[in-house]
Amino acid sequence: MIFHSSFEFAYLWLPFIGFAVGFLGSLTGGGGGFIFIPLLTILFKVPPQIAIASSLAATLPICLAGAYGHHKKKNLDFRIGLIFAAAGIFGALAGAQIANMMTGKQLKISFGIYSIIIATGMYLGQRKDKKAIANGEKPKELSNAGKYSRSTLYGFLSGIITATFGTSGSAPILAGLMSIRMPLKLVLGTSLLIVFVNTCSALGAHILVGKIDLTIVYFLASGSIVGALLGPRFLANVRVDKAEGQVRLWYALGMVVFGILMIVL
């Protein structure tokens, strides 16, 4: 169900939040849904089911604008992206059903636990990569069959996460793309394409069984589109190999903080 809530002066903060999330999302290859949901539920007291569906709608402009910007910079692998996205559609249909079988409190706690687990995995992965580089190790090349099978698995998982928690599902997407040895800039652009398709699938399912507050979506999107368009331009002038580790660590720290807040509040 789609509806418009009444205007509140607190909503004037949403475009600024949208800008920051859109900019960060286009830099990290995610839609930023994991930031929208805690902020909407904790600061703006939006019910979790409405926050999830509205977050999905607000994420679409970020993915579309960010993917377009990365496409112009030739940072997209369409073949791998479509394999991930096709598997993600089936995952999204399953995830939407899971979300509507859980209470608001269960969703908040589950999202908090998910955030902490993913953040821990990102931190450990960063440590492992740093150690491997220090030892001069080179990753093994994967066959096409290996790339496609991993893409299907991680794509399905990302679809489930997207629809269940209303996030971009970028954590399994990024993990999957990195596991097939894709260069980082291609990872970021391709991830946004996959997130866009996953979000469309999950949003379609939530339109049938959930509630979307278009007032919140409008305010968030007004800032997120601008941020998502500026992200790829900024990235083109940055030495990604130098900044990647710090971005991943701060991203993981933010997920831990939001995860704890979702559990305890």
C-alpha atoms as a PDB file:
ATOM      1  CA  MET A   1       0.000   0.000   0.000  1.00  0.00           C
ATOM      2  CA  ILE A   2       1.230   3.478  -0.892  1.00  0.00           C
ATOM      3  CA  PHE A   3       0.247   6.519   1.206  1.00  0.00           C
ATOM      4  CA  HIS A   4       1.339  10.066   2.130  1.00  0.00           C
ATOM      5  CA  SER A   5       1.901  10.879   5.791  1.00  0.00           C
ATOM      6  CA  SER A   6       1.303  14.406   7.093  1.00  0.00           C
ATOM      7  CA  PHE A   7       4.247  16.808   6.932  1.00  0.00           C
ATOM      8  CA  GLU A   8       6.429  17.196  10.011  1.00  0.00           C
ATOM      9  CA  PHE A   9       9.154  19.829  10.445  1.00  0.00           C
ATOM     10  CA  ALA A  10      11.611  17.069  11.399  1.00  0.00           C
ATOM     11  CA  TYR A  11      11.354  15.827   7.803  1.00  0.00           C
ATOM     12  CA  LEU A  12      13.362  18.881   6.690  1.00  0.00           C
ATOM     13  CA  TRP A  13      16.444  16.970   7.884  1.00  0.00           C
ATOM     14  CA  LEU A  14      15.749  14.116   5.475  1.00  0.00           C
ATOM     15  CA  PRO A  15      17.212  15.730   2.307  1.00  0.00           C
ATOM     16  CA  PHE A  16      20.534  16.266   4.125  1.00  0.00           C
ATOM     17  CA  ILE A  17      20.494  12.674   5.347  1.00  0.00           C
ATOM     18  CA  GLY A  18      19.628  11.559   1.814  1.00  0.00           C
ATOM     19  CA  PHE A  19      22.532  13.534   0.347  1.00  0.00           C
ATOM     20  CA  ALA A  20      25.048  11.993   2.752  1.00  0.00           C
ATOM     21  CA  VAL A  21      23.714   8.477   2.224  1.00  0.00           C
ATOM     22  CA  GLY A  22      23.572   8.894  -1.560  1.00  0.00           C
ATOM     23  CA  PHE A  23      27.153  10.133  -1.686  1.00  0.00           C
ATOM     24  CA  LEU A  24      28.415   7.357   0.593  1.00  0.00           C
ATOM     25  CA  GLY A  25      26.338   4.705  -1.183  1.00  0.00           C
ATOM     26  CA  SER A  26      27.762   5.544  -4.613  1.00  0.00           C
ATOM     27  CA  LEU A  27      31.293   5.426  -3.178  1.00  0.00           C
ATOM     28  CA  THR A  28      30.860   2.067  -1.472  1.00  0.00           C
ATOM     29  CA  GLY A  29      28.667   0.299  -4.035  1.00  0.00           C
ATOM     30  CA  GLY A  30      25.603   0.136  -1.760  1.00  0.00           C
ATOM     31  CA  GLY A  31      22.269   1.890  -1.728  1.00  0.00           C
ATOM     32  CA  GLY A  32      22.559   3.048   1.872  1.00  0.00           C
ATOM     33  CA  GLY A  33      19.410   1.322   3.125  1.00  0.00           C
ATOM     34  CA  PHE A  34      21.136   0.116   6.276  1.00  0.00           C
ATOM     35  CA  ILE A  35      21.520   3.788   7.301  1.00  0.00           C
ATOM     36  CA  PHE A  36      17.989   4.866   6.369  1.00  0.00           C
ATOM     37  CA  ILE A  37      16.225   2.227   8.462  1.00  0.00           C
ATOM     38  CA  PRO A  38      17.853   2.904  11.875  1.00  0.00           C
ATOM     39  CA  LEU A  39      17.488   6.659  11.401  1.00  0.00           C
ATOM     40  CA  LEU A  40      13.830   6.417  10.427  1.00  0.00           C
ATOM     41  CA  THR A  41      12.935   4.040  13.250  1.00  0.00           C
ATOM     42  CA  ILE A  42      15.070   5.558  16.024  1.00  0.00           C
ATOM     43  CA  LEU A  43      15.009   9.299  15.265  1.00  0.00           C
ATOM     44  CA  PHE A  44      11.727   9.694  13.382  1.00  0.00           C
ATOM     45  CA  LYS A  45       9.774   6.901  15.137  1.00  0.00           C
ATOM     46  CA  VAL A  46       8.647   5.314  11.866  1.00  0.00           C
ATOM     47  CA  PRO A  47       7.298   1.744  12.350  1.00  0.00           C
ATOM     48  CA  PRO A  48       9.848  -0.847  11.105  1.00  0.00           C
ATOM     49  CA  GLN A  49       7.598  -2.315   8.366  1.00  0.00           C
ATOM     50  CA  ILE A  50       6.937   1.167   6.918  1.00  0.00           C
ATOM     51  CA  ALA A  51      10.612   2.139   7.315  1.00  0.00           C
ATOM     52  CA  ILE A  52      11.705  -0.955   5.386  1.00  0.00           C
ATOM     53  CA  ALA A  53       9.362  -0.423   2.432  1.00  0.00           C
ATOM     54  CA  SER A  54       9.994   3.362   2.329  1.00  0.00           C
ATOM     55  CA  SER A  55      13.748   2.803   2.541  1.00  0.00           C
ATOM     56  CA  LEU A  56      13.589   0.553  -0.524  1.00  0.00           C
ATOM     57  CA  ALA A  57      11.770   3.255  -2.496  1.00  0.00           C
ATOM     58  CA  ALA A  58      14.250   5.930  -1.367  1.00  0.00           C
ATOM     59  CA  THR A  59      17.176   3.688  -2.336  1.00  0.00           C
ATOM     60  CA  LEU A  60      16.132   3.429  -5.990  1.00  0.00           C
ATOM     61  CA  PRO A  61      17.304   6.942  -7.025  1.00  0.00           C
ATOM     62  CA  ILE A  62      20.677   6.331  -5.349  1.00  0.00           C
ATOM     63  CA  CYS A  63      21.236   3.103  -7.272  1.00  0.00           C
ATOM     64  CA  LEU A  64      20.044   4.500 -10.589  1.00  0.00           C
ATOM     65  CA  ALA A  65      22.013   7.753 -10.374  1.00  0.00           C
ATOM     66  CA  GLY A  66      25.107   6.023  -8.987  1.00  0.00           C
ATOM     67  CA  ALA A  67      25.051   3.234 -11.600  1.00  0.00           C
ATOM     68  CA  TYR A  68      24.670   5.829 -14.374  1.00  0.00           C
ATOM     69  CA  GLY A  69      27.634   7.784 -13.045  1.00  0.00           C
ATOM     70  CA  HIS A  70      29.799   4.648 -12.844  1.00  0.00           C
ATOM     71  CA  HIS A  71      28.674   3.589 -16.347  1.00  0.00           C
ATOM     72  CA  LYS A  72      29.973   6.877 -17.737  1.00  0.00           C
ATOM     73  CA  LYS A  73      33.314   6.095 -16.059  1.00  0.00           C
ATOM     74  CA  LYS A  74      33.234   2.527 -17.523  1.00  0.00           C
ATOM     75  CA  ASN A  75      33.017   0.937 -14.069  1.00  0.00           C
ATOM     76  CA  LEU A  76      30.307  -1.648 -14.874  1.00  0.00           C
ATOM     77  CA  ASP A  77      30.389  -5.367 -15.753  1.00  0.00           C
ATOM     78  CA  PHE A  78      26.912  -5.968 -17.176  1.00  0.00           C
ATOM     79  CA  ARG A  79      27.254  -9.744 -17.634  1.00  0.00           C
ATOM     80  CA  ILE A  80      28.162 -10.476 -14.013  1.00  0.00           C
ATOM     81  CA  GLY A  81      25.710  -7.844 -12.837  1.00  0.00           C
ATOM     82  CA  LEU A  82      22.798  -9.486 -14.636  1.00  0.00           C
ATOM     83  CA  ILE A  83      23.654 -12.933 -13.193  1.00  0.00           C
ATOM     84  CA  PHE A  84      23.639 -11.485  -9.671  1.00  0.00           C
ATOM     85  CA  ALA A  85      20.429  -9.576 -10.361  1.00  0.00           C
ATOM     86  CA  ALA A  86      18.540 -12.553 -11.837  1.00  0.00           C
ATOM     87  CA  ALA A  87      19.313 -14.675  -8.771  1.00  0.00           C
ATOM     88  CA  GLY A  88      18.454 -11.740  -6.515  1.00  0.00           C
ATOM     89  CA  ILE A  89      14.902 -11.515  -7.887  1.00  0.00           C
ATOM     90  CA  PHE A  90      14.069 -14.959  -6.486  1.00  0.00           C
ATOM     91  CA  GLY A  91      15.730 -14.079  -3.181  1.00  0.00           C
ATOM     92  CA  ALA A  92      13.727 -10.847  -2.942  1.00  0.00           C
ATOM     93  CA  LEU A  93      10.407 -12.650  -3.348  1.00  0.00           C
ATOM     94  CA  ALA A  94      11.316 -14.950  -0.461  1.00  0.00           C
ATOM     95  CA  GLY A  95      12.592 -12.078   1.695  1.00  0.00           C
ATOM     96  CA  ALA A  96       9.395 -10.039   1.416  1.00  0.00           C
ATOM     97  CA  GLN A  97       7.408 -12.955   2.813  1.00  0.00           C
ATOM     98  CA  ILE A  98       9.872 -13.352   5.701  1.00  0.00           C
ATOM     99  CA  ALA A  99       9.594  -9.643   6.609  1.00  0.00           C
ATOM    100  CA  ASN A 100       5.827  -9.769   6.875  1.00  0.00           C
ATOM    101  CA  MET A 101       5.865 -12.838   9.138  1.00  0.00           C
ATOM    102  CA  MET A 102       7.933 -10.973  11.763  1.00  0.00           C
ATOM    103  CA  THR A 103       6.844  -8.365  14.306  1.00  0.00           C
ATOM    104  CA  GLY A 104       8.367  -4.885  14.401  1.00  0.00           C
ATOM    105  CA  LYS A 105      10.514  -5.777  17.407  1.00  0.00           C
ATOM    106  CA  GLN A 106      11.743  -8.982  15.768  1.00  0.00           C
ATOM    107  CA  LEU A 107      12.680  -7.065  12.630  1.00  0.00           C
ATOM    108  CA  LYS A 108      14.641  -4.462  14.610  1.00  0.00           C
ATOM    109  CA  ILE A 109      16.574  -7.069  16.587  1.00  0.00           C
ATOM    110  CA  SER A 110      17.205  -9.231  13.503  1.00  0.00           C
ATOM    111  CA  PHE A 111      18.461  -6.228  11.565  1.00  0.00           C
ATOM    112  CA  GLY A 112      20.779  -5.274  14.419  1.00  0.00           C
ATOM    113  CA  ILE A 113      22.249  -8.772  14.597  1.00  0.00           C
ATOM    114  CA  TYR A 114      22.640  -8.886  10.807  1.00  0.00           C
ATOM    115  CA  SER A 115      24.462  -5.533  10.815  1.00  0.00           C
ATOM    116  CA  ILE A 116      26.944  -6.642  13.481  1.00  0.00           C
ATOM    117  CA  ILE A 117      27.646  -9.976  11.739  1.00  0.00           C
ATOM    118  CA  ILE A 118      28.249  -8.321   8.363  1.00  0.00           C
ATOM    119  CA  ALA A 119      30.445  -5.616   9.930  1.00  0.00           C
ATOM    120  CA  THR A 120      32.546  -8.273  11.668  1.00  0.00           C
ATOM    121  CA  GLY A 121      32.971 -10.101   8.370  1.00  0.00           C
ATOM    122  CA  MET A 122      34.047  -6.887   6.623  1.00  0.00           C
ATOM    123  CA  TYR A 123      36.621  -6.164   9.348  1.00  0.00           C
ATOM    124  CA  LEU A 124      38.056  -9.681   9.264  1.00  0.00           C
ATOM    125  CA  GLY A 125      38.161  -9.590   5.479  1.00  0.00           C
ATOM    126  CA  GLN A 126      40.058  -6.314   5.571  1.00  0.00           C
ATOM    127  CA  ARG A 127      42.624  -7.790   7.980  1.00  0.00           C
ATOM    128  CA  LYS A 128      43.020 -10.876   5.791  1.00  0.00           C
ATOM    129  CA  ASP A 129      43.535  -8.793   2.633  1.00  0.00           C
ATOM    130  CA  LYS A 130      46.072  -6.561   4.363  1.00  0.00           C
ATOM    131  CA  LYS A 131      48.022  -9.575   5.603  1.00  0.00           C
ATOM    132  CA  ALA A 132      47.988 -11.198   2.159  1.00  0.00           C
ATOM    133  CA  ILE A 133      49.304  -8.036   0.498  1.00  0.00           C
ATOM    134  CA  ALA A 134      52.053  -7.744   3.119  1.00  0.00           C
ATOM    135  CA  ASN A 135      53.112 -11.345   2.368  1.00  0.00           C
ATOM    136  CA  GLY A 136      53.155 -10.687  -1.375  1.00  0.00           C
ATOM    137  CA  GLU A 137      50.442 -13.278  -2.107  1.00  0.00           C
ATOM    138  CA  LYS A 138      48.540 -13.195  -5.397  1.00  0.00           C
ATOM    139  CA  PRO A 139      44.913 -14.410  -5.666  1.00  0.00           C
ATOM    140  CA  LYS A 140      44.178 -17.402  -7.895  1.00  0.00           C
ATOM    141  CA  GLU A 141      42.231 -16.879 -11.112  1.00  0.00           C
ATOM    142  CA  LEU A 142      38.712 -18.345 -11.156  1.00  0.00           C
ATOM    143  CA  SER A 143      37.172 -20.194 -14.110  1.00  0.00           C
ATOM    144  CA  ASN A 144      34.000 -18.810 -15.726  1.00  0.00           C
ATOM    145  CA  ALA A 145      32.001 -21.618 -14.083  1.00  0.00           C
ATOM    146  CA  GLY A 146      33.393 -20.622 -10.688  1.00  0.00           C
ATOM    147  CA  LYS A 147      32.554 -16.952 -11.265  1.00  0.00           C
ATOM    148  CA  TYR A 148      29.005 -17.680 -12.405  1.00  0.00           C
ATOM    149  CA  SER A 149      28.230 -20.128  -9.579  1.00  0.00           C
ATOM    150  CA  ARG A 150      29.468 -17.687  -6.935  1.00  0.00           C
ATOM    151  CA  SER A 151      27.552 -14.861  -8.589  1.00  0.00           C
ATOM    152  CA  THR A 152      24.328 -16.884  -8.452  1.00  0.00           C
ATOM    153  CA  LEU A 153      24.767 -17.819  -4.773  1.00  0.00           C
ATOM    154  CA  TYR A 154      25.673 -14.351  -3.539  1.00  0.00           C
ATOM    155  CA  GLY A 155      22.994 -12.786  -5.743  1.00  0.00           C
ATOM    156  CA  PHE A 156      20.282 -14.963  -4.191  1.00  0.00           C
ATOM    157  CA  LEU A 157      21.462 -14.105  -0.666  1.00  0.00           C
ATOM    158  CA  SER A 158      21.485 -10.380  -1.459  1.00  0.00           C
ATOM    159  CA  GLY A 159      17.885 -10.565  -2.692  1.00  0.00           C
ATOM    160  CA  ILE A 160      16.758 -12.163   0.566  1.00  0.00           C
ATOM    161  CA  ILE A 161      18.557  -9.508   2.638  1.00  0.00           C
ATOM    162  CA  THR A 162      17.179  -6.653   0.512  1.00  0.00           C
ATOM    163  CA  ALA A 163      13.545  -7.654   0.880  1.00  0.00           C
ATOM    164  CA  THR A 164      13.719  -8.833   4.503  1.00  0.00           C
ATOM    165  CA  PHE A 165      15.456  -5.801   6.011  1.00  0.00           C
ATOM    166  CA  GLY A 166      14.867  -3.101   3.365  1.00  0.00           C
ATOM    167  CA  THR A 167      18.619  -2.580   2.937  1.00  0.00           C
ATOM    168  CA  SER A 168      20.547  -2.626  -0.317  1.00  0.00           C
ATOM    169  CA  GLY A 169      21.870  -6.142   0.304  1.00  0.00           C
ATOM    170  CA  SER A 170      25.226  -4.749  -0.761  1.00  0.00           C
ATOM    171  CA  ALA A 171      27.236  -6.717   1.837  1.00  0.00           C
ATOM    172  CA  PRO A 172      26.778 -10.122   0.131  1.00  0.00           C
ATOM    173  CA  ILE A 173      27.010  -8.423  -3.271  1.00  0.00           C
ATOM    174  CA  LEU A 174      30.341  -6.768  -2.471  1.00  0.00           C
ATOM    175  CA  ALA A 175      31.612  -9.975  -0.869  1.00  0.00           C
ATOM    176  CA  GLY A 176      30.613 -11.966  -3.953  1.00  0.00           C
ATOM    177  CA  LEU A 177      32.113  -9.535  -6.469  1.00  0.00           C
ATOM    178  CA  MET A 178      35.360  -9.359  -4.529  1.00  0.00           C
ATOM    179  CA  SER A 179      35.461 -13.167  -4.263  1.00  0.00           C
ATOM    180  CA  ILE A 180      35.589 -13.449  -8.069  1.00  0.00           C
ATOM    181  CA  ARG A 181      38.631 -11.136  -8.156  1.00  0.00           C
ATOM    182  CA  MET A 182      36.902  -8.168  -9.794  1.00  0.00           C
ATOM    183  CA  PRO A 183      38.823  -4.828  -9.703  1.00  0.00           C
ATOM    184  CA  LEU A 184      37.499  -2.491  -7.019  1.00  0.00           C
ATOM    185  CA  LYS A 185      36.140   0.270  -9.266  1.00  0.00           C
ATOM    186  CA  LEU A 186      34.241  -2.341 -11.305  1.00  0.00           C
ATOM    187  CA  VAL A 187      32.970  -3.814  -8.028  1.00  0.00           C
ATOM    188  CA  LEU A 188      31.462  -0.482  -6.942  1.00  0.00           C
ATOM    189  CA  GLY A 189      29.701   0.265 -10.227  1.00  0.00           C
ATOM    190  CA  THR A 190      28.465  -3.288 -10.805  1.00  0.00           C
ATOM    191  CA  SER A 191      27.211  -3.504  -7.227  1.00  0.00           C
ATOM    192  CA  LEU A 192      24.956  -0.473  -7.719  1.00  0.00           C
ATOM    193  CA  LEU A 193      23.448  -2.036 -10.845  1.00  0.00           C
ATOM    194  CA  ILE A 194      22.694  -5.249  -8.912  1.00  0.00           C
ATOM    195  CA  VAL A 195      21.301  -3.327  -5.943  1.00  0.00           C
ATOM    196  CA  PHE A 196      19.005  -1.397  -8.283  1.00  0.00           C
ATOM    197  CA  VAL A 197      17.470  -4.578  -9.722  1.00  0.00           C
ATOM    198  CA  ASN A 198      17.207  -6.216  -6.274  1.00  0.00           C
ATOM    199  CA  THR A 199      15.538  -3.120  -4.849  1.00  0.00           C
ATOM    200  CA  CYS A 200      13.013  -2.996  -7.708  1.00  0.00           C
ATOM    201  CA  SER A 201      12.114  -6.646  -7.071  1.00  0.00           C
ATOM    202  CA  ALA A 202      11.841  -6.204  -3.307  1.00  0.00           C
ATOM    203  CA  LEU A 203       9.870  -2.966  -3.662  1.00  0.00           C
ATOM    204  CA  GLY A 204       7.397  -4.658  -5.999  1.00  0.00           C
ATOM    205  CA  ALA A 205       6.816  -7.377  -3.416  1.00  0.00           C
ATOM    206  CA  HIS A 206       6.411  -4.826  -0.592  1.00  0.00           C
ATOM    207  CA  ILE A 207       3.885  -2.793  -2.592  1.00  0.00           C
ATOM    208  CA  LEU A 208       1.645  -5.849  -2.472  1.00  0.00           C
ATOM    209  CA  VAL A 209       2.150  -6.744   1.196  1.00  0.00           C
ATOM    210  CA  GLY A 210       3.700  -3.653   2.871  1.00  0.00           C
ATOM    211  CA  LYS A 211       3.256   0.113   3.322  1.00  0.00           C
ATOM    212  CA  ILE A 212       5.299   2.841   1.586  1.00  0.00           C
ATOM    213  CA  ASP A 213       5.251   6.424   2.904  1.00  0.00           C
ATOM    214  CA  LEU A 214       5.855   8.598  -0.166  1.00  0.00           C
ATOM    215  CA  THR A 215       6.244  11.761   1.924  1.00  0.00           C
ATOM    216  CA  ILE A 216       9.384  10.312   3.507  1.00  0.00           C
ATOM    217  CA  VAL A 217      10.568   8.975   0.139  1.00  0.00           C
ATOM    218  CA  TYR A 218      10.265  12.394  -1.547  1.00  0.00           C
ATOM    219  CA  PHE A 219      12.293  14.163   1.140  1.00  0.00           C
ATOM    220  CA  LEU A 220      15.035  11.510   1.213  1.00  0.00           C
ATOM    221  CA  ALA A 221      15.279  11.246  -2.590  1.00  0.00           C
ATOM    222  CA  SER A 222      15.580  15.015  -3.060  1.00  0.00           C
ATOM    223  CA  GLY A 223      19.002  14.867  -1.443  1.00  0.00           C
ATOM    224  CA  SER A 224      20.092  11.322  -2.275  1.00  0.00           C
ATOM    225  CA  ILE A 225      19.985  11.846  -6.056  1.00  0.00           C
ATOM    226  CA  VAL A 226      22.444  14.749  -5.837  1.00  0.00           C
ATOM    227  CA  GLY A 227      24.768  12.810  -3.555  1.00  0.00           C
ATOM    228  CA  ALA A 228      24.693   9.714  -5.767  1.00  0.00           C
ATOM    229  CA  LEU A 229      25.609  11.728  -8.875  1.00  0.00           C
ATOM    230  CA  LEU A 230      28.550  13.422  -7.134  1.00  0.00           C
ATOM    231  CA  GLY A 231      29.984  10.173  -5.700  1.00  0.00           C
ATOM    232  CA  PRO A 232      31.388   8.661  -8.955  1.00  0.00           C
ATOM    233  CA  ARG A 233      32.904  12.024  -9.931  1.00  0.00           C
ATOM    234  CA  PHE A 234      34.710  12.216  -6.610  1.00  0.00           C
ATOM    235  CA  LEU A 235      35.833   8.591  -6.920  1.00  0.00           C
ATOM    236  CA  ALA A 236      37.410   9.250 -10.330  1.00  0.00           C
ATOM    237  CA  ASN A 237      39.924  11.596  -8.665  1.00  0.00           C
ATOM    238  CA  VAL A 238      40.758   9.320  -5.724  1.00  0.00           C
ATOM    239  CA  ARG A 239      43.411   6.609  -5.437  1.00  0.00           C
ATOM    240  CA  VAL A 240      40.954   3.863  -4.544  1.00  0.00           C
ATOM    241  CA  ASP A 241      43.616   1.361  -3.533  1.00  0.00           C
ATOM    242  CA  LYS A 242      44.774   3.780  -0.825  1.00  0.00           C
ATOM    243  CA  ALA A 243      41.326   4.733   0.479  1.00  0.00           C
ATOM    244  CA  GLU A 244      39.571   1.347   0.281  1.00  0.00           C
ATOM    245  CA  GLY A 245      40.778   0.002   3.622  1.00  0.00           C
ATOM    246  CA  GLN A 246      39.770   3.084   5.619  1.00  0.00           C
ATOM    247  CA  VAL A 247      36.376   3.340   3.911  1.00  0.00           C
ATOM    248  CA  ARG A 248      35.633  -0.325   4.636  1.00  0.00           C
ATOM    249  CA  LEU A 249      36.634   0.003   8.297  1.00  0.00           C
ATOM    250  CA  TRP A 250      34.561   3.134   8.929  1.00  0.00           C
ATOM    251  CA  TYR A 251      31.631   1.569   7.076  1.00  0.00           C
ATOM    252  CA  ALA A 252      31.889  -1.513   9.307  1.00  0.00           C
ATOM    253  CA  LEU A 253      32.107   0.625  12.464  1.00  0.00           C
ATOM    254  CA  GLY A 254      28.965   2.502  11.462  1.00  0.00           C
ATOM    255  CA  MET A 255      27.124  -0.776  10.924  1.00  0.00           C
ATOM    256  CA  VAL A 256      28.109  -1.997  14.406  1.00  0.00           C
ATOM    257  CA  VAL A 257      26.876   1.224  16.039  1.00  0.00           C
ATOM    258  CA  PHE A 258      23.551   1.157  14.184  1.00  0.00           C
ATOM    259  CA  GLY A 259      23.165  -2.558  14.870  1.00  0.00           C
ATOM    260  CA  ILE A 260      23.599  -2.092  18.617  1.00  0.00           C
ATOM    261  CA  LEU A 261      21.139   0.821  18.663  1.00  0.00           C
ATOM    262  CA  MET A 262      18.528  -1.241  16.805  1.00  0.00           C
ATOM    263  CA  ILE A 263      18.846  -4.042  19.374  1.00  0.00           C
ATOM    264  CA  VAL A 264      18.777  -1.966  22.572  1.00  0.00           C
ATOM    265  CA  LEU A 265      16.315   0.815  21.664  1.00  0.00           C
END
